[in-house]
Amino acid sequence: MERQFDIDAERKYSLTGIPSKIRISPPEEVDSLMRFCTGLQDWTKLLDNKIILEVGAGECTFLPQFIEVSKPKRYVATDLFPEKMEMARKYLKSPLVEFCEANILSLPFNNSEFDLILAFGILHHIPNLNKALTEIVRVMKVNGLFIFRDPCSENPMVWLKYKFCHKSENEFPISRKDIKVAFRATGMSIVYLDRFWLRFPWLPAGPWSVNLGGVARKI
């Protein structure tokens, strides 16, 4: 039986404790995240002159750093609950940035509209991974890139945490095998895929890694 997405539980989880001012991730945190997700030291070139979509942007904590260190052509930040993006909307006045309510399972965009799509901590909230990635592929240009990061179920402590100590009823950590199967089924090839732990970046990838990140290309 296919798992169902509980939107009421997600709303309660997502809209609890929204800050009254914008939260911006430190430059070093954003840099580490992107280096681990892409395997590149100079990851900013991936964003330059690109039409970018971020799904599940939430409070947009990475967005200020992205537009400061790179030169995107257009950046669309989306979330299922647009209230989460309100502080960023008030703070960020860049003509390059747009904010839009959107469900990853039914994106309100044209086919082949984006060069680059970002999703950080979103895929593990989706019971039907293939359905979400099918939408990602639909709105992505041929040879476009998809960059993601999610909890890694290959760490037994992560698996136990999300099985018995849910923050949300819609959290299902994923493995490298899950990603490989879903990417293959939805028309993407893996460019880079690895496990990592941002808190201890010096640790080599292994069963202790709590994050899974990578890059896929639309074939």
N, C-alpha and C. Protein backbone atom coordinates (compact mmCIF):
# COMPACT_ATOMS: atom_id res chain seq x y z
N MET A 1 0.85 -1.20 0.00
CA MET A 1 0.00 0.00 0.00
C MET A 1 0.88 1.26 0.00
N GLU A 2 0.60 2.18 -0.90
CA GLU A 2 1.41 3.40 -1.00
C GLU A 2 1.17 4.31 0.20
N ARG A 3 2.26 4.86 0.74
CA ARG A 3 2.14 5.80 1.85
C ARG A 3 1.50 7.09 1.35
N GLN A 4 0.71 7.71 2.21
CA GLN A 4 -0.01 8.92 1.85
C GLN A 4 0.61 10.14 2.51
N PHE A 5 0.57 11.25 1.81
CA PHE A 5 1.08 12.51 2.34
C PHE A 5 -0.01 13.16 3.19
N ASP A 6 0.30 13.43 4.46
CA ASP A 6 -0.65 14.04 5.39
C ASP A 6 -0.41 15.55 5.42
N ILE A 7 -1.18 16.29 4.65
CA ILE A 7 -0.94 17.73 4.52
C ILE A 7 -1.24 18.48 5.82
N ASP A 8 -2.21 18.01 6.60
CA ASP A 8 -2.52 18.68 7.87
C ASP A 8 -1.37 18.53 8.86
N ALA A 9 -0.79 17.33 8.91
CA ALA A 9 0.36 17.11 9.79
C ALA A 9 1.55 17.94 9.33
N GLU A 10 1.71 18.04 8.01
CA GLU A 10 2.83 18.83 7.46
C GLU A 10 2.65 20.31 7.75
N ARG A 11 1.42 20.79 7.67
CA ARG A 11 1.15 22.20 7.97
C ARG A 11 1.48 22.49 9.43
N LYS A 12 1.07 21.62 10.32
CA LYS A 12 1.34 21.81 11.75
C LYS A 12 2.84 21.80 12.01
N TYR A 13 3.54 20.88 11.38
CA TYR A 13 4.99 20.78 11.55
C TYR A 13 5.70 22.00 10.96
N SER A 14 5.32 22.38 9.76
CA SER A 14 6.03 23.43 9.03
C SER A 14 5.79 24.83 9.57
N LEU A 15 4.59 25.08 10.09
CA LEU A 15 4.24 26.44 10.50
C LEU A 15 4.43 26.69 11.99
N THR A 16 5.08 25.75 12.68
CA THR A 16 5.38 25.93 14.10
C THR A 16 6.69 26.69 14.26
N GLY A 17 6.64 27.79 14.97
CA GLY A 17 7.86 28.51 15.29
C GLY A 17 8.49 29.28 14.14
N ILE A 18 7.68 29.83 13.24
CA ILE A 18 8.24 30.67 12.17
C ILE A 18 8.84 31.93 12.81
N PRO A 19 10.10 32.25 12.53
CA PRO A 19 10.74 33.41 13.17
C PRO A 19 10.15 34.74 12.69
N SER A 20 10.31 35.76 13.51
CA SER A 20 9.78 37.08 13.18
C SER A 20 10.76 37.90 12.35
N LYS A 21 11.95 37.37 12.11
CA LYS A 21 12.91 38.04 11.25
C LYS A 21 13.61 36.98 10.40
N ILE A 22 14.19 37.41 9.30
CA ILE A 22 14.81 36.47 8.38
C ILE A 22 16.01 35.77 9.03
N ARG A 23 16.12 34.50 8.74
CA ARG A 23 17.28 33.73 9.19
C ARG A 23 18.16 33.44 7.99
N ILE A 24 19.43 33.75 8.12
CA ILE A 24 20.38 33.57 7.01
C ILE A 24 21.46 32.59 7.45
N SER A 25 21.65 31.52 6.69
CA SER A 25 22.69 30.56 7.00
C SER A 25 24.06 31.19 6.79
N PRO A 26 25.02 30.94 7.69
CA PRO A 26 26.36 31.50 7.54
C PRO A 26 27.01 31.05 6.23
N PRO A 27 27.84 31.89 5.64
CA PRO A 27 28.50 31.54 4.37
C PRO A 27 29.23 30.20 4.41
N GLU A 28 29.92 29.93 5.53
CA GLU A 28 30.67 28.68 5.61
C GLU A 28 29.75 27.46 5.64
N GLU A 29 28.56 27.61 6.20
CA GLU A 29 27.60 26.50 6.23
C GLU A 29 27.05 26.22 4.83
N VAL A 30 26.73 27.28 4.11
CA VAL A 30 26.23 27.13 2.74
C VAL A 30 27.31 26.54 1.84
N ASP A 31 28.54 27.01 2.02
CA ASP A 31 29.66 26.51 1.22
C ASP A 31 29.88 25.02 1.47
N SER A 32 29.87 24.61 2.74
CA SER A 32 30.06 23.20 3.07
C SER A 32 28.95 22.35 2.48
N LEU A 33 27.71 22.80 2.63
CA LEU A 33 26.57 22.06 2.10
C LEU A 33 26.73 21.82 0.60
N MET A 34 27.04 22.88 -0.13
CA MET A 34 27.11 22.76 -1.59
C MET A 34 28.33 21.96 -2.04
N ARG A 35 29.43 22.07 -1.33
CA ARG A 35 30.60 21.27 -1.69
C ARG A 35 30.31 19.78 -1.48
N PHE A 36 29.63 19.46 -0.39
CA PHE A 36 29.29 18.06 -0.13
C PHE A 36 28.25 17.54 -1.12
N CYS A 37 27.29 18.37 -1.48
CA CYS A 37 26.22 17.93 -2.38
C CYS A 37 26.69 17.80 -3.82
N THR A 38 27.67 18.59 -4.22
CA THR A 38 28.10 18.60 -5.62
C THR A 38 29.46 17.95 -5.86
N GLY A 39 30.26 17.83 -4.80
CA GLY A 39 31.62 17.33 -4.96
C GLY A 39 32.55 18.34 -5.57
N LEU A 40 32.13 19.60 -5.64
CA LEU A 40 32.91 20.66 -6.28
C LEU A 40 33.34 21.71 -5.27
N GLN A 41 34.57 22.17 -5.38
CA GLN A 41 35.02 23.28 -4.54
C GLN A 41 34.39 24.59 -5.03
N ASP A 42 34.40 24.79 -6.35
CA ASP A 42 33.84 26.01 -6.93
C ASP A 42 32.44 25.72 -7.47
N TRP A 43 31.52 25.49 -6.57
CA TRP A 43 30.15 25.13 -6.95
C TRP A 43 29.35 26.33 -7.45
N THR A 44 29.81 27.54 -7.20
CA THR A 44 29.05 28.73 -7.57
C THR A 44 28.83 28.82 -9.08
N LYS A 45 29.75 28.23 -9.85
CA LYS A 45 29.62 28.28 -11.32
C LYS A 45 28.37 27.55 -11.79
N LEU A 46 27.89 26.60 -10.99
CA LEU A 46 26.67 25.87 -11.36
C LEU A 46 25.45 26.78 -11.36
N LEU A 47 25.50 27.88 -10.58
CA LEU A 47 24.37 28.79 -10.45
C LEU A 47 24.45 29.97 -11.40
N ASP A 48 25.65 30.28 -11.88
CA ASP A 48 25.84 31.46 -12.72
C ASP A 48 25.03 31.40 -14.00
N ASN A 49 24.31 32.50 -14.27
CA ASN A 49 23.55 32.67 -15.51
C ASN A 49 22.49 31.58 -15.71
N LYS A 50 21.98 31.01 -14.61
CA LYS A 50 21.00 29.95 -14.69
C LYS A 50 19.62 30.43 -14.23
N ILE A 51 18.58 29.81 -14.77
CA ILE A 51 17.22 29.99 -14.27
C ILE A 51 17.02 28.89 -13.24
N ILE A 52 16.87 29.29 -11.98
CA ILE A 52 16.92 28.35 -10.85
C ILE A 52 15.57 28.25 -10.15
N LEU A 53 15.20 27.04 -9.80
CA LEU A 53 14.01 26.78 -8.99
C LEU A 53 14.46 26.10 -7.70
N GLU A 54 14.04 26.63 -6.55
CA GLU A 54 14.24 25.94 -5.28
C GLU A 54 12.89 25.48 -4.77
N VAL A 55 12.72 24.17 -4.62
CA VAL A 55 11.46 23.63 -4.11
C VAL A 55 11.59 23.41 -2.61
N GLY A 56 10.50 23.70 -1.90
CA GLY A 56 10.55 23.56 -0.45
C GLY A 56 11.55 24.49 0.19
N ALA A 57 11.57 25.74 -0.26
CA ALA A 57 12.59 26.69 0.19
C ALA A 57 12.42 27.09 1.65
N GLY A 58 11.22 26.91 2.20
CA GLY A 58 11.00 27.24 3.61
C GLY A 58 11.30 28.69 3.92
N GLU A 59 12.18 28.91 4.89
CA GLU A 59 12.52 30.27 5.30
C GLU A 59 13.61 30.88 4.42
N CYS A 60 14.01 30.17 3.37
CA CYS A 60 14.98 30.68 2.38
C CYS A 60 16.31 31.05 3.02
N THR A 61 16.79 30.22 3.94
CA THR A 61 18.00 30.55 4.68
C THR A 61 19.26 30.53 3.81
N PHE A 62 19.24 29.77 2.71
CA PHE A 62 20.41 29.70 1.82
C PHE A 62 20.38 30.75 0.72
N LEU A 63 19.20 31.23 0.41
CA LEU A 63 19.00 32.11 -0.74
C LEU A 63 19.88 33.37 -0.73
N PRO A 64 19.95 34.12 0.39
CA PRO A 64 20.80 35.33 0.37
C PRO A 64 22.24 35.05 -0.03
N GLN A 65 22.79 33.93 0.46
CA GLN A 65 24.17 33.59 0.13
C GLN A 65 24.29 33.18 -1.34
N PHE A 66 23.31 32.45 -1.84
CA PHE A 66 23.35 32.02 -3.24
C PHE A 66 23.42 33.22 -4.19
N ILE A 67 22.57 34.21 -3.96
CA ILE A 67 22.55 35.34 -4.89
C ILE A 67 23.70 36.31 -4.64
N GLU A 68 24.38 36.17 -3.49
CA GLU A 68 25.53 37.03 -3.22
C GLU A 68 26.80 36.50 -3.89
N VAL A 69 26.95 35.17 -3.89
CA VAL A 69 28.21 34.60 -4.40
C VAL A 69 28.12 34.13 -5.85
N SER A 70 26.92 34.13 -6.42
CA SER A 70 26.77 33.72 -7.82
C SER A 70 25.91 34.73 -8.57
N LYS A 71 25.72 34.49 -9.86
CA LYS A 71 24.97 35.43 -10.68
C LYS A 71 23.88 34.70 -11.47
N PRO A 72 22.83 34.24 -10.77
CA PRO A 72 21.75 33.57 -11.50
C PRO A 72 20.98 34.54 -12.38
N LYS A 73 20.39 34.02 -13.42
CA LYS A 73 19.57 34.84 -14.31
C LYS A 73 18.20 35.11 -13.69
N ARG A 74 17.69 34.10 -12.98
CA ARG A 74 16.38 34.18 -12.32
C ARG A 74 16.35 33.12 -11.24
N TYR A 75 15.78 33.45 -10.07
CA TYR A 75 15.73 32.50 -8.96
C TYR A 75 14.31 32.48 -8.42
N VAL A 76 13.66 31.32 -8.51
CA VAL A 76 12.28 31.17 -8.03
C VAL A 76 12.29 30.29 -6.78
N ALA A 77 11.92 30.87 -5.66
CA ALA A 77 11.83 30.14 -4.39
C ALA A 77 10.38 29.74 -4.15
N THR A 78 10.14 28.47 -3.86
CA THR A 78 8.78 27.99 -3.66
C THR A 78 8.65 27.21 -2.36
N ASP A 79 7.42 27.18 -1.85
CA ASP A 79 7.13 26.33 -0.70
C ASP A 79 5.64 26.01 -0.71
N LEU A 80 5.30 24.87 -0.14
CA LEU A 80 3.90 24.48 -0.03
C LEU A 80 3.15 25.45 0.87
N PHE A 81 3.87 26.03 1.85
CA PHE A 81 3.28 26.99 2.79
C PHE A 81 4.01 28.33 2.64
N PRO A 82 3.49 29.24 1.84
CA PRO A 82 4.20 30.49 1.53
C PRO A 82 4.44 31.37 2.75
N GLU A 83 3.71 31.15 3.84
CA GLU A 83 3.95 31.92 5.06
C GLU A 83 5.40 31.78 5.53
N LYS A 84 6.00 30.63 5.27
CA LYS A 84 7.38 30.41 5.71
C LYS A 84 8.36 31.33 5.00
N MET A 85 8.01 31.78 3.80
CA MET A 85 8.92 32.61 3.01
C MET A 85 8.67 34.10 3.22
N GLU A 86 7.72 34.47 4.08
CA GLU A 86 7.30 35.86 4.18
C GLU A 86 8.43 36.79 4.61
N MET A 87 9.23 36.38 5.58
CA MET A 87 10.32 37.24 6.03
C MET A 87 11.35 37.45 4.92
N ALA A 88 11.64 36.39 4.18
CA ALA A 88 12.58 36.51 3.06
C ALA A 88 12.01 37.42 1.98
N ARG A 89 10.72 37.33 1.75
CA ARG A 89 10.07 38.18 0.75
C ARG A 89 10.21 39.67 1.12
N LYS A 90 10.09 39.96 2.40
CA LYS A 90 10.20 41.35 2.86
C LYS A 90 11.64 41.85 2.83
N TYR A 91 12.57 40.93 3.10
CA TYR A 91 13.97 41.32 3.24
C TYR A 91 14.69 41.38 1.89
N LEU A 92 14.41 40.41 1.03
CA LEU A 92 15.13 40.30 -0.24
C LEU A 92 14.39 41.02 -1.34
N LYS A 93 14.95 42.10 -1.82
CA LYS A 93 14.29 42.91 -2.84
C LYS A 93 14.95 42.77 -4.22
N SER A 94 15.74 41.74 -4.39
CA SER A 94 16.43 41.55 -5.66
C SER A 94 15.44 41.31 -6.79
N PRO A 95 15.60 41.97 -7.93
CA PRO A 95 14.72 41.74 -9.08
C PRO A 95 14.88 40.35 -9.68
N LEU A 96 15.93 39.65 -9.28
CA LEU A 96 16.18 38.30 -9.78
C LEU A 96 15.34 37.24 -9.06
N VAL A 97 14.83 37.60 -7.88
CA VAL A 97 14.19 36.61 -7.00
C VAL A 97 12.67 36.72 -7.04
N GLU A 98 12.02 35.57 -7.17
CA GLU A 98 10.56 35.48 -7.11
C GLU A 98 10.18 34.47 -6.03
N PHE A 99 9.01 34.69 -5.42
CA PHE A 99 8.50 33.77 -4.41
C PHE A 99 7.15 33.25 -4.87
N CYS A 100 6.93 31.95 -4.71
CA CYS A 100 5.73 31.34 -5.27
C CYS A 100 5.28 30.15 -4.42
N GLU A 101 4.00 30.05 -4.15
CA GLU A 101 3.44 28.87 -3.49
C GLU A 101 3.42 27.73 -4.50
N ALA A 102 3.93 26.55 -4.11
CA ALA A 102 3.97 25.43 -5.04
C ALA A 102 4.10 24.11 -4.30
N ASN A 103 3.43 23.11 -4.85
CA ASN A 103 3.51 21.73 -4.36
C ASN A 103 4.44 20.96 -5.29
N ILE A 104 5.45 20.32 -4.76
CA ILE A 104 6.42 19.61 -5.59
C ILE A 104 5.78 18.52 -6.44
N LEU A 105 4.60 18.04 -6.02
CA LEU A 105 3.91 16.99 -6.77
C LEU A 105 3.08 17.54 -7.93
N SER A 106 2.94 18.86 -7.98
CA SER A 106 2.18 19.49 -9.07
C SER A 106 2.66 20.93 -9.23
N LEU A 107 3.81 21.10 -9.85
CA LEU A 107 4.46 22.40 -9.94
C LEU A 107 3.77 23.30 -10.97
N PRO A 108 3.54 24.57 -10.63
CA PRO A 108 2.83 25.49 -11.53
C PRO A 108 3.74 26.16 -12.55
N PHE A 109 4.56 25.37 -13.23
CA PHE A 109 5.52 25.92 -14.18
C PHE A 109 5.44 25.16 -15.50
N ASN A 110 5.98 25.80 -16.54
CA ASN A 110 5.97 25.20 -17.86
C ASN A 110 6.98 24.06 -17.97
N ASN A 111 6.78 23.21 -18.94
CA ASN A 111 7.76 22.17 -19.24
C ASN A 111 9.10 22.82 -19.61
N SER A 112 10.17 22.22 -19.15
CA SER A 112 11.54 22.64 -19.54
C SER A 112 11.79 24.12 -19.26
N GLU A 113 11.38 24.60 -18.10
CA GLU A 113 11.51 26.02 -17.77
C GLU A 113 12.81 26.36 -17.03
N PHE A 114 13.40 25.39 -16.31
CA PHE A 114 14.52 25.70 -15.43
C PHE A 114 15.81 24.96 -15.82
N ASP A 115 16.93 25.65 -15.60
CA ASP A 115 18.25 25.07 -15.83
C ASP A 115 18.72 24.26 -14.64
N LEU A 116 18.34 24.70 -13.44
CA LEU A 116 18.86 24.11 -12.21
C LEU A 116 17.74 24.09 -11.17
N ILE A 117 17.60 22.95 -10.49
CA ILE A 117 16.58 22.82 -9.45
C ILE A 117 17.25 22.35 -8.17
N LEU A 118 16.91 23.01 -7.06
CA LEU A 118 17.49 22.71 -5.75
C LEU A 118 16.40 22.18 -4.82
N ALA A 119 16.76 21.19 -4.00
CA ALA A 119 15.81 20.65 -3.01
C ALA A 119 16.61 20.19 -1.80
N PHE A 120 16.51 20.93 -0.70
CA PHE A 120 17.27 20.60 0.50
C PHE A 120 16.33 20.18 1.62
N GLY A 121 16.40 18.91 1.99
CA GLY A 121 15.56 18.39 3.06
C GLY A 121 14.10 18.24 2.68
N ILE A 122 13.82 18.00 1.41
CA ILE A 122 12.45 17.93 0.92
C ILE A 122 12.04 16.53 0.48
N LEU A 123 12.90 15.83 -0.22
CA LEU A 123 12.52 14.55 -0.81
C LEU A 123 12.07 13.54 0.24
N HIS A 124 12.66 13.59 1.43
CA HIS A 124 12.28 12.61 2.45
C HIS A 124 10.91 12.90 3.06
N HIS A 125 10.29 14.01 2.69
CA HIS A 125 8.92 14.31 3.13
C HIS A 125 7.88 13.79 2.13
N ILE A 126 8.34 13.25 1.01
CA ILE A 126 7.42 12.84 -0.06
C ILE A 126 7.29 11.32 -0.08
N PRO A 127 6.10 10.78 0.19
CA PRO A 127 5.93 9.32 0.19
C PRO A 127 6.22 8.70 -1.18
N ASN A 128 5.83 9.39 -2.25
CA ASN A 128 6.03 8.87 -3.60
C ASN A 128 7.17 9.63 -4.26
N LEU A 129 8.39 9.11 -4.09
CA LEU A 129 9.58 9.80 -4.60
C LEU A 129 9.55 9.93 -6.11
N ASN A 130 9.11 8.88 -6.79
CA ASN A 130 9.07 8.92 -8.25
C ASN A 130 8.14 10.01 -8.77
N LYS A 131 7.02 10.22 -8.11
CA LYS A 131 6.07 11.23 -8.55
C LYS A 131 6.68 12.62 -8.43
N ALA A 132 7.39 12.87 -7.32
CA ALA A 132 8.03 14.17 -7.13
C ALA A 132 9.12 14.39 -8.18
N LEU A 133 9.94 13.37 -8.42
CA LEU A 133 11.03 13.52 -9.39
C LEU A 133 10.51 13.63 -10.82
N THR A 134 9.37 13.03 -11.09
CA THR A 134 8.76 13.18 -12.42
C THR A 134 8.40 14.63 -12.68
N GLU A 135 7.89 15.32 -11.67
CA GLU A 135 7.58 16.74 -11.81
C GLU A 135 8.85 17.57 -11.96
N ILE A 136 9.87 17.21 -11.19
CA ILE A 136 11.15 17.90 -11.30
C ILE A 136 11.68 17.80 -12.73
N VAL A 137 11.64 16.59 -13.27
CA VAL A 137 12.13 16.37 -14.63
C VAL A 137 11.29 17.15 -15.65
N ARG A 138 10.00 17.20 -15.44
CA ARG A 138 9.11 17.89 -16.39
C ARG A 138 9.48 19.36 -16.55
N VAL A 139 9.76 20.04 -15.44
CA VAL A 139 10.01 21.48 -15.51
C VAL A 139 11.49 21.81 -15.75
N MET A 140 12.33 20.79 -15.87
CA MET A 140 13.76 20.98 -16.07
C MET A 140 14.13 20.86 -17.54
N LYS A 141 15.03 21.72 -17.97
CA LYS A 141 15.52 21.63 -19.35
C LYS A 141 16.37 20.38 -19.54
N VAL A 142 16.45 19.90 -20.77
CA VAL A 142 17.35 18.79 -21.08
C VAL A 142 18.78 19.20 -20.70
N ASN A 143 19.48 18.31 -20.04
CA ASN A 143 20.83 18.56 -19.50
C ASN A 143 20.81 19.46 -18.28
N GLY A 144 19.60 19.82 -17.80
CA GLY A 144 19.51 20.58 -16.56
C GLY A 144 19.94 19.75 -15.37
N LEU A 145 20.29 20.42 -14.27
CA LEU A 145 20.79 19.73 -13.08
C LEU A 145 19.82 19.83 -11.91
N PHE A 146 19.81 18.77 -11.12
CA PHE A 146 19.02 18.72 -9.89
C PHE A 146 19.98 18.45 -8.74
N ILE A 147 20.02 19.34 -7.75
CA ILE A 147 20.89 19.20 -6.58
C ILE A 147 20.03 19.01 -5.35
N PHE A 148 20.35 18.00 -4.53
CA PHE A 148 19.50 17.70 -3.36
C PHE A 148 20.34 17.31 -2.15
N ARG A 149 19.69 17.37 -0.98
CA ARG A 149 20.26 16.87 0.27
C ARG A 149 19.10 16.40 1.15
N ASP A 150 19.25 15.20 1.75
CA ASP A 150 18.22 14.65 2.63
C ASP A 150 18.85 13.74 3.68
N PRO A 151 18.11 13.40 4.74
CA PRO A 151 18.62 12.44 5.73
C PRO A 151 18.88 11.08 5.08
N CYS A 152 19.95 10.44 5.51
CA CYS A 152 20.37 9.16 4.93
C CYS A 152 19.94 7.99 5.81
N SER A 153 19.08 7.14 5.28
CA SER A 153 18.55 6.01 6.06
C SER A 153 19.58 4.91 6.27
N GLU A 154 20.76 5.01 5.62
CA GLU A 154 21.79 4.00 5.79
C GLU A 154 22.45 4.10 7.16
N ASN A 155 22.29 5.24 7.83
CA ASN A 155 22.74 5.37 9.21
C ASN A 155 21.62 4.82 10.10
N PRO A 156 21.87 3.75 10.87
CA PRO A 156 20.79 3.14 11.66
C PRO A 156 20.17 4.09 12.67
N MET A 157 20.95 5.05 13.18
CA MET A 157 20.40 5.99 14.15
C MET A 157 19.42 6.95 13.47
N VAL A 158 19.73 7.35 12.23
CA VAL A 158 18.82 8.20 11.47
C VAL A 158 17.53 7.44 11.19
N TRP A 159 17.66 6.19 10.78
CA TRP A 159 16.49 5.36 10.49
C TRP A 159 15.61 5.22 11.72
N LEU A 160 16.22 4.95 12.88
CA LEU A 160 15.45 4.80 14.12
C LEU A 160 14.79 6.11 14.53
N LYS A 161 15.52 7.21 14.37
CA LYS A 161 14.97 8.51 14.75
C LYS A 161 13.69 8.81 13.98
N TYR A 162 13.73 8.61 12.67
CA TYR A 162 12.57 8.97 11.87
C TYR A 162 11.46 7.92 11.93
N LYS A 163 11.79 6.71 12.35
CA LYS A 163 10.77 5.68 12.48
C LYS A 163 9.98 5.85 13.78
N PHE A 164 10.69 6.23 14.87
CA PHE A 164 10.05 6.25 16.18
C PHE A 164 9.95 7.64 16.81
N CYS A 165 10.67 8.62 16.29
CA CYS A 165 10.67 9.97 16.88
C CYS A 165 10.38 11.00 15.81
N HIS A 166 9.26 10.87 15.13
CA HIS A 166 8.91 11.76 14.03
C HIS A 166 8.80 13.20 14.49
N LYS A 167 9.37 14.11 13.70
CA LYS A 167 9.03 15.52 13.82
C LYS A 167 7.76 15.79 13.03
N SER A 168 7.61 15.04 11.96
CA SER A 168 6.43 15.14 11.10
C SER A 168 6.03 13.73 10.70
N GLU A 169 4.75 13.55 10.43
CA GLU A 169 4.28 12.24 9.98
C GLU A 169 4.74 11.95 8.55
N ASN A 170 5.30 12.93 7.88
CA ASN A 170 5.71 12.78 6.48
C ASN A 170 7.22 12.74 6.33
N GLU A 171 7.91 11.98 7.15
CA GLU A 171 9.36 11.92 7.04
C GLU A 171 9.81 10.48 6.84
N PHE A 172 10.45 10.26 5.69
CA PHE A 172 10.89 8.94 5.30
C PHE A 172 12.31 9.04 4.76
N PRO A 173 13.35 8.91 5.61
CA PRO A 173 14.73 9.06 5.14
C PRO A 173 15.02 8.08 4.00
N ILE A 174 15.95 8.46 3.13
CA ILE A 174 16.18 7.70 1.90
C ILE A 174 17.63 7.21 1.83
N SER A 175 17.83 6.20 1.01
CA SER A 175 19.16 5.60 0.84
C SER A 175 19.69 5.88 -0.56
N ARG A 176 20.95 5.56 -0.77
CA ARG A 176 21.53 5.70 -2.10
C ARG A 176 20.80 4.82 -3.11
N LYS A 177 20.39 3.64 -2.67
CA LYS A 177 19.66 2.74 -3.56
C LYS A 177 18.33 3.35 -3.97
N ASP A 178 17.60 3.95 -3.00
CA ASP A 178 16.33 4.61 -3.30
C ASP A 178 16.52 5.67 -4.38
N ILE A 179 17.56 6.49 -4.21
CA ILE A 179 17.83 7.58 -5.15
C ILE A 179 18.19 7.04 -6.52
N LYS A 180 19.06 6.05 -6.57
CA LYS A 180 19.49 5.50 -7.86
C LYS A 180 18.31 4.92 -8.63
N VAL A 181 17.44 4.18 -7.93
CA VAL A 181 16.28 3.57 -8.58
C VAL A 181 15.32 4.65 -9.08
N ALA A 182 15.05 5.67 -8.24
CA ALA A 182 14.11 6.73 -8.62
C ALA A 182 14.64 7.58 -9.75
N PHE A 183 15.93 7.92 -9.72
CA PHE A 183 16.51 8.72 -10.80
C PHE A 183 16.43 7.96 -12.12
N ARG A 184 16.78 6.70 -12.09
CA ARG A 184 16.76 5.89 -13.31
C ARG A 184 15.34 5.82 -13.88
N ALA A 185 14.36 5.68 -12.99
CA ALA A 185 12.97 5.52 -13.43
C ALA A 185 12.38 6.80 -13.99
N THR A 186 12.94 7.95 -13.62
CA THR A 186 12.34 9.22 -14.02
C THR A 186 13.17 9.99 -15.04
N GLY A 187 14.18 9.34 -15.62
CA GLY A 187 14.91 9.96 -16.72
C GLY A 187 16.03 10.87 -16.32
N MET A 188 16.72 10.54 -15.21
CA MET A 188 17.88 11.32 -14.80
C MET A 188 19.08 10.41 -14.62
N SER A 189 20.25 10.95 -14.91
CA SER A 189 21.49 10.21 -14.67
C SER A 189 22.23 10.85 -13.52
N ILE A 190 22.86 10.05 -12.69
CA ILE A 190 23.57 10.56 -11.53
C ILE A 190 24.92 11.14 -11.95
N VAL A 191 25.14 12.39 -11.59
CA VAL A 191 26.43 13.04 -11.83
C VAL A 191 27.33 12.85 -10.62
N TYR A 192 26.74 12.95 -9.43
CA TYR A 192 27.50 12.83 -8.19
C TYR A 192 26.54 12.41 -7.08
N LEU A 193 26.99 11.52 -6.20
CA LEU A 193 26.16 11.05 -5.09
C LEU A 193 27.07 10.61 -3.95
N ASP A 194 26.82 11.13 -2.74
CA ASP A 194 27.67 10.75 -1.62
C ASP A 194 26.93 10.96 -0.30
N ARG A 195 27.48 10.33 0.74
CA ARG A 195 27.00 10.52 2.10
C ARG A 195 27.95 11.48 2.82
N PHE A 196 27.44 12.22 3.81
CA PHE A 196 28.31 13.14 4.55
C PHE A 196 27.66 13.54 5.87
N TRP A 197 28.45 14.22 6.70
CA TRP A 197 27.97 14.73 7.98
C TRP A 197 28.48 16.16 8.10
N LEU A 198 27.57 17.13 7.94
CA LEU A 198 27.97 18.54 7.98
C LEU A 198 28.58 18.94 9.31
N ARG A 199 28.09 18.35 10.38
CA ARG A 199 28.56 18.73 11.71
C ARG A 199 30.02 18.32 11.92
N PHE A 200 30.40 17.22 11.30
CA PHE A 200 31.79 16.75 11.39
C PHE A 200 32.30 16.52 9.97
N PRO A 201 32.60 17.60 9.25
CA PRO A 201 32.94 17.49 7.82
C PRO A 201 34.21 16.71 7.54
N TRP A 202 35.05 16.52 8.55
CA TRP A 202 36.29 15.79 8.35
C TRP A 202 36.07 14.28 8.34
N LEU A 203 34.88 13.81 8.77
CA LEU A 203 34.61 12.38 8.75
C LEU A 203 34.43 11.88 7.32
N PRO A 204 35.09 10.80 6.95
CA PRO A 204 34.86 10.24 5.61
C PRO A 204 33.46 9.64 5.53
N ALA A 205 32.92 9.54 4.33
CA ALA A 205 31.59 8.96 4.15
C ALA A 205 31.57 7.53 4.67
N GLY A 206 30.49 7.18 5.35
CA GLY A 206 30.36 5.83 5.89
C GLY A 206 29.03 5.65 6.58
N PRO A 207 28.83 4.56 7.30
CA PRO A 207 27.54 4.30 7.95
C PRO A 207 27.18 5.31 9.02
N TRP A 208 28.14 6.12 9.46
CA TRP A 208 27.87 7.16 10.44
C TRP A 208 27.36 8.45 9.80
N SER A 209 27.41 8.54 8.48
CA SER A 209 26.94 9.75 7.79
C SER A 209 25.44 9.93 7.97
N VAL A 210 25.02 11.17 8.22
CA VAL A 210 23.60 11.42 8.44
C VAL A 210 22.92 12.07 7.25
N ASN A 211 23.71 12.53 6.28
CA ASN A 211 23.16 13.20 5.10
C ASN A 211 23.49 12.45 3.82
N LEU A 212 22.60 12.58 2.86
CA LEU A 212 22.82 12.04 1.53
C LEU A 212 22.59 13.19 0.56
N GLY A 213 23.54 13.43 -0.31
CA GLY A 213 23.39 14.55 -1.26
C GLY A 213 23.97 14.19 -2.61
N GLY A 214 23.53 14.93 -3.62
CA GLY A 214 24.07 14.64 -4.92
C GLY A 214 23.53 15.54 -6.02
N VAL A 215 23.95 15.21 -7.23
CA VAL A 215 23.56 15.96 -8.42
C VAL A 215 23.10 14.95 -9.47
N ALA A 216 21.99 15.24 -10.12
CA ALA A 216 21.51 14.41 -11.23
C ALA A 216 21.24 15.30 -12.43
N ARG A 217 21.36 14.73 -13.61
CA ARG A 217 21.16 15.47 -14.85
C ARG A 217 19.98 14.87 -15.62
N LYS A 218 19.14 15.74 -16.18
CA LYS A 218 18.06 15.26 -17.04
C LYS A 218 18.63 14.79 -18.36
N ILE A 219 18.35 13.58 -18.70
CA ILE A 219 18.88 12.99 -19.94
C ILE A 219 18.12 13.53 -21.15
